[in-house]
Amino acid sequence: MKALKIKYLKGAFTVFALCLIGTVSAAPNGNGDEKEEKKNTTSDEIKKTQSSEWFVYNGPNQTRLEVEKPENYSLHDDEDNPEPTCSTGNELCAVNATDNGGQPSLPSTFVDDIMAAIQAGGQPSNSNIKLRN
């Protein structure tokens, strides 16, 4: 009788262990075959998911103090031309930024890009910045 109980317990333990191993290996994000893909989200992708608009720069000069003030921009609302027409130059014409109640959201990293574009002149590497003469 004692030998029968030991065989029963061994069998039950084996079945339990096999079920546990099967559950762990089949669980998503576990050590099984299914792996969660992590996607690196770029700032451009984030910007596309938020409401971004073109804003025309109306500030008195090109200093950082004036460029980073949201009140120095007006919403570009020409339905025929969704992007403002700006010639290539070294003065800020317009920015494509997140709409924050009719004013652009201007994080310091974006202002850094704007200032670098103004200093370099020509065609900015950031497509969300437009310069003019």
Protein backbone atom coordinates (compact mmCIF):
# COMPACT_ATOMS: atom_id res chain seq x y z
CA MET A 1 0.00 0.00 0.00
CA LYS A 2 2.84 2.35 0.85
CA ALA A 3 4.52 1.67 -2.52
CA LEU A 4 1.25 2.49 -4.31
CA LYS A 5 1.01 5.88 -2.56
CA ILE A 6 4.61 6.70 -3.53
CA LYS A 7 3.92 5.82 -7.20
CA TYR A 8 0.75 7.94 -7.11
CA LEU A 9 2.61 10.93 -5.63
CA LYS A 10 5.45 10.59 -8.15
CA GLY A 11 2.96 10.51 -11.01
CA ALA A 12 0.98 13.48 -9.66
CA PHE A 13 4.18 15.47 -9.14
CA THR A 14 5.35 14.70 -12.69
CA VAL A 15 2.02 15.78 -14.20
CA PHE A 16 2.07 18.97 -12.12
CA ALA A 17 5.65 19.77 -13.20
CA LEU A 18 4.82 19.20 -16.87
CA CYS A 19 1.75 21.46 -16.63
CA LEU A 20 3.78 24.17 -14.94
CA ILE A 21 6.52 24.02 -17.57
CA GLY A 22 3.95 24.14 -20.37
CA THR A 23 2.20 27.14 -18.85
CA VAL A 24 5.41 29.12 -18.38
CA SER A 25 6.71 28.44 -21.88
CA ALA A 26 3.39 29.32 -23.54
CA ALA A 27 2.87 32.57 -21.63
CA PRO A 28 3.30 35.75 -23.67
CA ASN A 29 6.27 37.83 -22.49
CA GLY A 30 7.57 34.77 -20.65
CA ASN A 31 10.33 32.53 -21.79
CA GLY A 32 8.18 30.95 -24.49
CA ASP A 33 8.19 31.37 -28.23
CA GLU A 34 6.04 34.48 -28.26
CA LYS A 35 8.08 37.61 -27.69
CA GLU A 36 6.76 41.10 -27.25
CA GLU A 37 8.17 43.42 -29.85
CA LYS A 38 9.30 46.69 -28.39
CA LYS A 39 9.01 49.58 -30.77
CA ASN A 40 11.21 52.60 -30.43
CA THR A 41 9.00 55.61 -30.94
CA THR A 42 10.71 58.52 -32.60
CA SER A 43 9.85 62.14 -31.96
CA ASP A 44 8.52 62.39 -35.54
CA GLU A 45 6.07 59.52 -34.85
CA ILE A 46 4.93 61.15 -31.63
CA LYS A 47 4.43 64.44 -33.42
CA LYS A 48 2.28 62.73 -36.08
CA THR A 49 -0.04 61.30 -33.43
CA GLN A 50 -0.55 64.68 -31.85
CA SER A 51 -2.23 67.62 -33.54
CA SER A 52 0.57 69.56 -35.21
CA GLU A 53 0.06 72.72 -37.19
CA TRP A 54 2.17 75.25 -39.05
CA PHE A 55 2.76 78.50 -37.19
CA VAL A 56 4.16 81.62 -38.86
CA TYR A 57 6.80 83.52 -36.87
CA ASN A 58 5.90 87.18 -36.21
CA GLY A 59 8.53 88.03 -33.60
CA PRO A 60 10.49 91.29 -33.61
CA ASN A 61 13.90 89.58 -34.05
CA GLN A 62 15.69 86.23 -34.20
CA THR A 63 17.01 86.06 -30.63
CA ARG A 64 16.34 82.92 -28.61
CA LEU A 65 14.30 84.96 -26.14
CA GLU A 66 11.87 85.96 -28.89
CA VAL A 67 11.93 82.66 -30.82
CA GLU A 68 10.90 80.64 -27.75
CA LYS A 69 7.84 82.82 -27.00
CA PRO A 70 4.68 81.09 -28.29
CA GLU A 71 2.88 84.44 -28.53
CA ASN A 72 5.28 85.45 -31.34
CA TYR A 73 3.61 82.93 -33.67
CA SER A 74 0.28 82.87 -35.46
CA LEU A 75 -1.52 79.83 -36.78
CA HIS A 76 -1.10 79.37 -40.55
CA ASP A 77 -4.65 78.95 -41.81
CA ASP A 78 -4.40 79.06 -45.60
CA GLU A 79 -6.58 76.14 -46.75
CA ASP A 80 -5.19 76.32 -50.31
CA ASN A 81 -1.60 75.97 -49.07
CA PRO A 82 -1.35 73.69 -46.01
CA GLU A 83 2.32 74.65 -45.57
CA PRO A 84 3.48 78.27 -45.54
CA THR A 85 5.48 79.37 -48.58
CA CYS A 86 8.92 80.43 -47.42
CA SER A 87 12.01 81.06 -49.52
CA THR A 88 15.32 79.68 -48.30
CA GLY A 89 17.22 82.14 -46.14
CA ASN A 90 18.45 82.76 -42.63
CA GLU A 91 15.39 84.24 -40.91
CA LEU A 92 12.71 82.16 -39.22
CA CYS A 93 9.56 81.93 -41.32
CA ALA A 94 7.44 79.15 -39.78
CA VAL A 95 7.49 76.05 -37.60
CA ASN A 96 5.40 72.90 -37.57
CA ALA A 97 4.63 72.26 -33.90
CA THR A 98 2.03 70.76 -31.61
CA ASP A 99 -0.98 73.04 -31.34
CA ASN A 100 -1.36 74.17 -27.74
CA GLY A 101 -4.54 76.21 -27.78
CA GLY A 102 -3.67 78.21 -30.91
CA GLN A 103 -0.02 78.62 -29.98
CA PRO A 104 2.89 76.30 -30.74
CA SER A 105 4.39 74.04 -28.13
CA LEU A 106 8.11 74.87 -28.18
CA PRO A 107 10.22 72.43 -26.14
CA SER A 108 13.79 73.61 -25.56
CA THR A 109 15.22 70.91 -27.85
CA PHE A 110 13.04 72.20 -30.70
CA VAL A 111 14.10 75.79 -29.98
CA ASP A 112 17.73 74.54 -30.13
CA ASP A 113 16.98 73.14 -33.61
CA ILE A 114 15.39 76.44 -34.66
CA MET A 115 18.39 78.47 -33.46
CA ALA A 116 20.83 76.11 -35.20
CA ALA A 117 18.84 76.43 -38.44
CA ILE A 118 18.88 80.23 -38.24
CA GLN A 119 22.64 80.25 -37.68
CA ALA A 120 23.30 77.78 -40.52
CA GLY A 121 20.88 79.41 -42.97
CA GLY A 122 19.78 77.70 -46.16
CA GLN A 123 17.58 74.61 -46.01
CA PRO A 124 17.11 73.37 -42.40
CA SER A 125 17.76 69.69 -41.75
CA ASN A 126 14.63 69.62 -39.59
CA SER A 127 11.62 69.58 -41.94
CA ASN A 128 9.47 71.22 -39.24
CA ILE A 129 11.37 74.50 -39.61
CA LYS A 130 11.11 76.88 -42.56
CA LEU A 131 13.40 79.87 -43.14
CA ARG A 132 13.11 82.90 -45.46
CA ASN A 133 15.18 85.86 -46.61
